[in-house]
Amino acid sequence: DEVRVGQEVQVRVMSVDEAVGKMSLSMREQSPFARADPATWHKGVVKRLQPFGAWIDVTLSGDGAIEEGMVHMSRIKDGLVKNIEDE
Protein backbone atom coordinates (compact mmCIF):
# COMPACT_ATOMS: atom_id res chain seq x y z
CA ASP A 1 0.00 0.00 0.00
CA GLU A 2 1.10 3.55 -0.72
CA VAL A 3 -0.43 4.97 2.48
CA ARG A 4 -1.69 3.54 5.73
CA VAL A 5 -4.05 4.71 8.47
CA GLY A 6 -2.24 6.99 10.92
CA GLN A 7 0.56 7.87 8.46
CA GLU A 8 1.46 11.57 8.24
CA VAL A 9 1.58 12.82 4.65
CA GLN A 10 2.04 16.07 2.76
CA VAL A 11 -0.81 17.17 0.50
CA ARG A 12 -1.69 20.11 -1.71
CA VAL A 13 -5.18 21.59 -1.85
CA MET A 14 -6.33 21.34 -5.45
CA SER A 15 -9.81 22.82 -5.03
CA VAL A 16 -12.42 23.65 -2.42
CA ASP A 17 -16.20 23.64 -2.93
CA GLU A 18 -17.65 25.17 0.22
CA ALA A 19 -21.21 24.84 -1.08
CA VAL A 20 -21.05 21.04 -0.86
CA GLY A 21 -18.31 20.81 1.79
CA LYS A 22 -15.82 19.13 -0.53
CA MET A 23 -12.05 19.55 -0.73
CA SER A 24 -9.86 17.90 -3.35
CA LEU A 25 -6.28 17.05 -2.32
CA SER A 26 -3.23 15.67 -4.10
CA MET A 27 -0.10 13.93 -2.84
CA ARG A 28 1.55 14.03 -6.27
CA GLU A 29 4.42 16.36 -7.07
CA GLN A 30 3.25 19.47 -8.87
CA SER A 31 4.36 19.65 -12.47
CA PRO A 32 6.57 22.63 -13.34
CA PHE A 33 4.03 23.27 -16.10
CA ALA A 34 1.38 24.09 -13.48
CA ARG A 35 3.18 27.41 -12.96
CA ALA A 36 3.64 28.14 -16.68
CA ASP A 37 2.41 31.53 -17.87
CA PRO A 38 -0.17 31.00 -20.67
CA ALA A 39 1.24 34.10 -22.44
CA THR A 40 4.70 32.49 -22.78
CA TRP A 41 5.62 30.45 -25.87
CA HIS A 42 7.52 27.18 -25.40
CA LYS A 43 9.37 24.94 -27.87
CA GLY A 44 7.88 21.59 -28.77
CA VAL A 45 8.37 18.58 -31.01
CA VAL A 46 5.43 16.86 -32.69
CA LYS A 47 5.56 13.19 -31.64
CA ARG A 48 2.42 11.81 -33.27
CA LEU A 49 -0.73 12.88 -35.06
CA GLN A 50 -4.31 11.84 -34.49
CA PRO A 51 -7.40 12.90 -36.49
CA PHE A 52 -8.30 15.27 -33.64
CA GLY A 53 -4.89 16.84 -32.92
CA ALA A 54 -1.14 16.57 -32.45
CA TRP A 55 0.78 15.17 -29.46
CA ILE A 56 3.71 17.42 -28.60
CA ASP A 57 6.75 17.01 -26.31
CA VAL A 58 6.93 20.52 -24.81
CA THR A 59 10.08 22.00 -23.26
CA LEU A 60 9.25 24.55 -20.56
CA SER A 61 11.03 27.85 -21.28
CA GLY A 62 13.57 28.75 -18.61
CA ASP A 63 13.20 25.43 -16.79
CA GLY A 64 13.97 22.74 -19.35
CA ALA A 65 11.28 20.40 -18.01
CA ILE A 66 9.67 18.27 -20.74
CA GLU A 67 6.14 16.89 -20.75
CA GLU A 68 3.76 15.62 -23.38
CA GLY A 69 0.65 17.57 -24.27
CA MET A 70 -1.99 17.58 -26.99
CA VAL A 71 -2.90 20.46 -29.30
CA HIS A 72 -6.48 20.06 -30.50
CA MET A 73 -6.89 20.61 -34.24
CA SER A 74 -9.11 23.64 -33.53
CA ARG A 75 -6.10 25.32 -31.86
CA ILE A 76 -3.52 24.66 -34.56
CA LYS A 77 -4.45 27.70 -36.65
CA ASP A 78 -7.27 30.15 -37.23
CA GLY A 79 -9.87 28.78 -39.61
CA LEU A 80 -10.89 25.27 -40.52
CA VAL A 81 -8.37 22.42 -40.34
CA LYS A 82 -9.66 19.62 -42.58
CA ASN A 83 -6.69 17.30 -42.35
CA ILE A 84 -4.14 17.75 -39.56
CA GLU A 85 -1.35 16.21 -41.67
CA ASP A 86 -1.75 19.05 -44.20
CA GLU A 87 -0.90 21.67 -41.57
C-alpha atoms as a PDB file:
ATOM      1  CA  ASP A   1       0.000   0.000   0.000  1.00  0.00           C
ATOM      2  CA  GLU A   2       1.105   3.547  -0.716  1.00  0.00           C
ATOM      3  CA  VAL A   3      -0.430   4.966   2.479  1.00  0.00           C
ATOM      4  CA  ARG A   4      -1.687   3.537   5.729  1.00  0.00           C
ATOM      5  CA  VAL A   5      -4.051   4.709   8.469  1.00  0.00           C
ATOM      6  CA  GLY A   6      -2.241   6.991  10.920  1.00  0.00           C
ATOM      7  CA  GLN A   7       0.555   7.867   8.458  1.00  0.00           C
ATOM      8  CA  GLU A   8       1.463  11.571   8.239  1.00  0.00           C
ATOM      9  CA  VAL A   9       1.582  12.816   4.652  1.00  0.00           C
ATOM     10  CA  GLN A  10       2.038  16.074   2.761  1.00  0.00           C
ATOM     11  CA  VAL A  11      -0.809  17.168   0.502  1.00  0.00           C
ATOM     12  CA  ARG A  12      -1.689  20.109  -1.708  1.00  0.00           C
ATOM     13  CA  VAL A  13      -5.176  21.592  -1.848  1.00  0.00           C
ATOM     14  CA  MET A  14      -6.326  21.339  -5.451  1.00  0.00           C
ATOM     15  CA  SER A  15      -9.807  22.821  -5.032  1.00  0.00           C
ATOM     16  CA  VAL A  16     -12.415  23.647  -2.421  1.00  0.00           C
ATOM     17  CA  ASP A  17     -16.200  23.636  -2.933  1.00  0.00           C
ATOM     18  CA  GLU A  18     -17.652  25.173   0.217  1.00  0.00           C
ATOM     19  CA  ALA A  19     -21.211  24.839  -1.083  1.00  0.00           C
ATOM     20  CA  VAL A  20     -21.049  21.039  -0.857  1.00  0.00           C
ATOM     21  CA  GLY A  21     -18.307  20.806   1.794  1.00  0.00           C
ATOM     22  CA  LYS A  22     -15.818  19.128  -0.529  1.00  0.00           C
ATOM     23  CA  MET A  23     -12.050  19.555  -0.731  1.00  0.00           C
ATOM     24  CA  SER A  24      -9.859  17.897  -3.352  1.00  0.00           C
ATOM     25  CA  LEU A  25      -6.283  17.049  -2.316  1.00  0.00           C
ATOM     26  CA  SER A  26      -3.234  15.666  -4.095  1.00  0.00           C
ATOM     27  CA  MET A  27      -0.102  13.928  -2.837  1.00  0.00           C
ATOM     28  CA  ARG A  28       1.551  14.028  -6.267  1.00  0.00           C
ATOM     29  CA  GLU A  29       4.422  16.359  -7.072  1.00  0.00           C
ATOM     30  CA  GLN A  30       3.247  19.470  -8.874  1.00  0.00           C
ATOM     31  CA  SER A  31       4.362  19.652 -12.468  1.00  0.00           C
ATOM     32  CA  PRO A  32       6.575  22.627 -13.340  1.00  0.00           C
ATOM     33  CA  PHE A  33       4.032  23.268 -16.101  1.00  0.00           C
ATOM     34  CA  ALA A  34       1.381  24.091 -13.481  1.00  0.00           C
ATOM     35  CA  ARG A  35       3.180  27.413 -12.962  1.00  0.00           C
ATOM     36  CA  ALA A  36       3.639  28.141 -16.681  1.00  0.00           C
ATOM     37  CA  ASP A  37       2.410  31.533 -17.873  1.00  0.00           C
ATOM     38  CA  PRO A  38      -0.169  31.002 -20.670  1.00  0.00           C
ATOM     39  CA  ALA A  39       1.236  34.096 -22.435  1.00  0.00           C
ATOM     40  CA  THR A  40       4.698  32.491 -22.781  1.00  0.00           C
ATOM     41  CA  TRP A  41       5.619  30.446 -25.865  1.00  0.00           C
ATOM     42  CA  HIS A  42       7.518  27.181 -25.398  1.00  0.00           C
ATOM     43  CA  LYS A  43       9.366  24.944 -27.872  1.00  0.00           C
ATOM     44  CA  GLY A  44       7.880  21.595 -28.770  1.00  0.00           C
ATOM     45  CA  VAL A  45       8.373  18.583 -31.011  1.00  0.00           C
ATOM     46  CA  VAL A  46       5.432  16.858 -32.691  1.00  0.00           C
ATOM     47  CA  LYS A  47       5.560  13.195 -31.644  1.00  0.00           C
ATOM     48  CA  ARG A  48       2.422  11.809 -33.267  1.00  0.00           C
ATOM     49  CA  LEU A  49      -0.729  12.880 -35.065  1.00  0.00           C
ATOM     50  CA  GLN A  50      -4.313  11.841 -34.486  1.00  0.00           C
ATOM     51  CA  PRO A  51      -7.401  12.900 -36.490  1.00  0.00           C
ATOM     52  CA  PHE A  52      -8.295  15.272 -33.637  1.00  0.00           C
ATOM     53  CA  GLY A  53      -4.886  16.839 -32.920  1.00  0.00           C
ATOM     54  CA  ALA A  54      -1.141  16.573 -32.446  1.00  0.00           C
ATOM     55  CA  TRP A  55       0.781  15.171 -29.457  1.00  0.00           C
ATOM     56  CA  ILE A  56       3.714  17.421 -28.596  1.00  0.00           C
ATOM     57  CA  ASP A  57       6.747  17.008 -26.311  1.00  0.00           C
ATOM     58  CA  VAL A  58       6.928  20.516 -24.815  1.00  0.00           C
ATOM     59  CA  THR A  59      10.076  21.996 -23.255  1.00  0.00           C
ATOM     60  CA  LEU A  60       9.250  24.548 -20.561  1.00  0.00           C
ATOM     61  CA  SER A  61      11.030  27.848 -21.280  1.00  0.00           C
ATOM     62  CA  GLY A  62      13.568  28.751 -18.613  1.00  0.00           C
ATOM     63  CA  ASP A  63      13.205  25.427 -16.793  1.00  0.00           C
ATOM     64  CA  GLY A  64      13.969  22.737 -19.355  1.00  0.00           C
ATOM     65  CA  ALA A  65      11.276  20.396 -18.013  1.00  0.00           C
ATOM     66  CA  ILE A  66       9.673  18.268 -20.741  1.00  0.00           C
ATOM     67  CA  GLU A  67       6.143  16.887 -20.753  1.00  0.00           C
ATOM     68  CA  GLU A  68       3.757  15.621 -23.384  1.00  0.00           C
ATOM     69  CA  GLY A  69       0.646  17.568 -24.266  1.00  0.00           C
ATOM     70  CA  MET A  70      -1.988  17.576 -26.988  1.00  0.00           C
ATOM     71  CA  VAL A  71      -2.900  20.456 -29.297  1.00  0.00           C
ATOM     72  CA  HIS A  72      -6.477  20.060 -30.499  1.00  0.00           C
ATOM     73  CA  MET A  73      -6.891  20.614 -34.239  1.00  0.00           C
ATOM     74  CA  SER A  74      -9.111  23.644 -33.527  1.00  0.00           C
ATOM     75  CA  ARG A  75      -6.095  25.320 -31.865  1.00  0.00           C
ATOM     76  CA  ILE A  76      -3.523  24.658 -34.563  1.00  0.00           C
ATOM     77  CA  LYS A  77      -4.446  27.698 -36.653  1.00  0.00           C
ATOM     78  CA  ASP A  78      -7.267  30.153 -37.235  1.00  0.00           C
ATOM     79  CA  GLY A  79      -9.867  28.777 -39.607  1.00  0.00           C
ATOM     80  CA  LEU A  80     -10.895  25.270 -40.517  1.00  0.00           C
ATOM     81  CA  VAL A  81      -8.374  22.419 -40.344  1.00  0.00           C
ATOM     82  CA  LYS A  82      -9.663  19.623 -42.581  1.00  0.00           C
ATOM     83  CA  ASN A  83      -6.685  17.303 -42.354  1.00  0.00           C
ATOM     84  CA  ILE A  84      -4.136  17.755 -39.556  1.00  0.00           C
ATOM     85  CA  GLU A  85      -1.355  16.214 -41.670  1.00  0.00           C
ATOM     86  CA  ASP A  86      -1.749  19.048 -44.201  1.00  0.00           C
ATOM     87  CA  GLU A  87      -0.900  21.666 -41.573  1.00  0.00           C
END
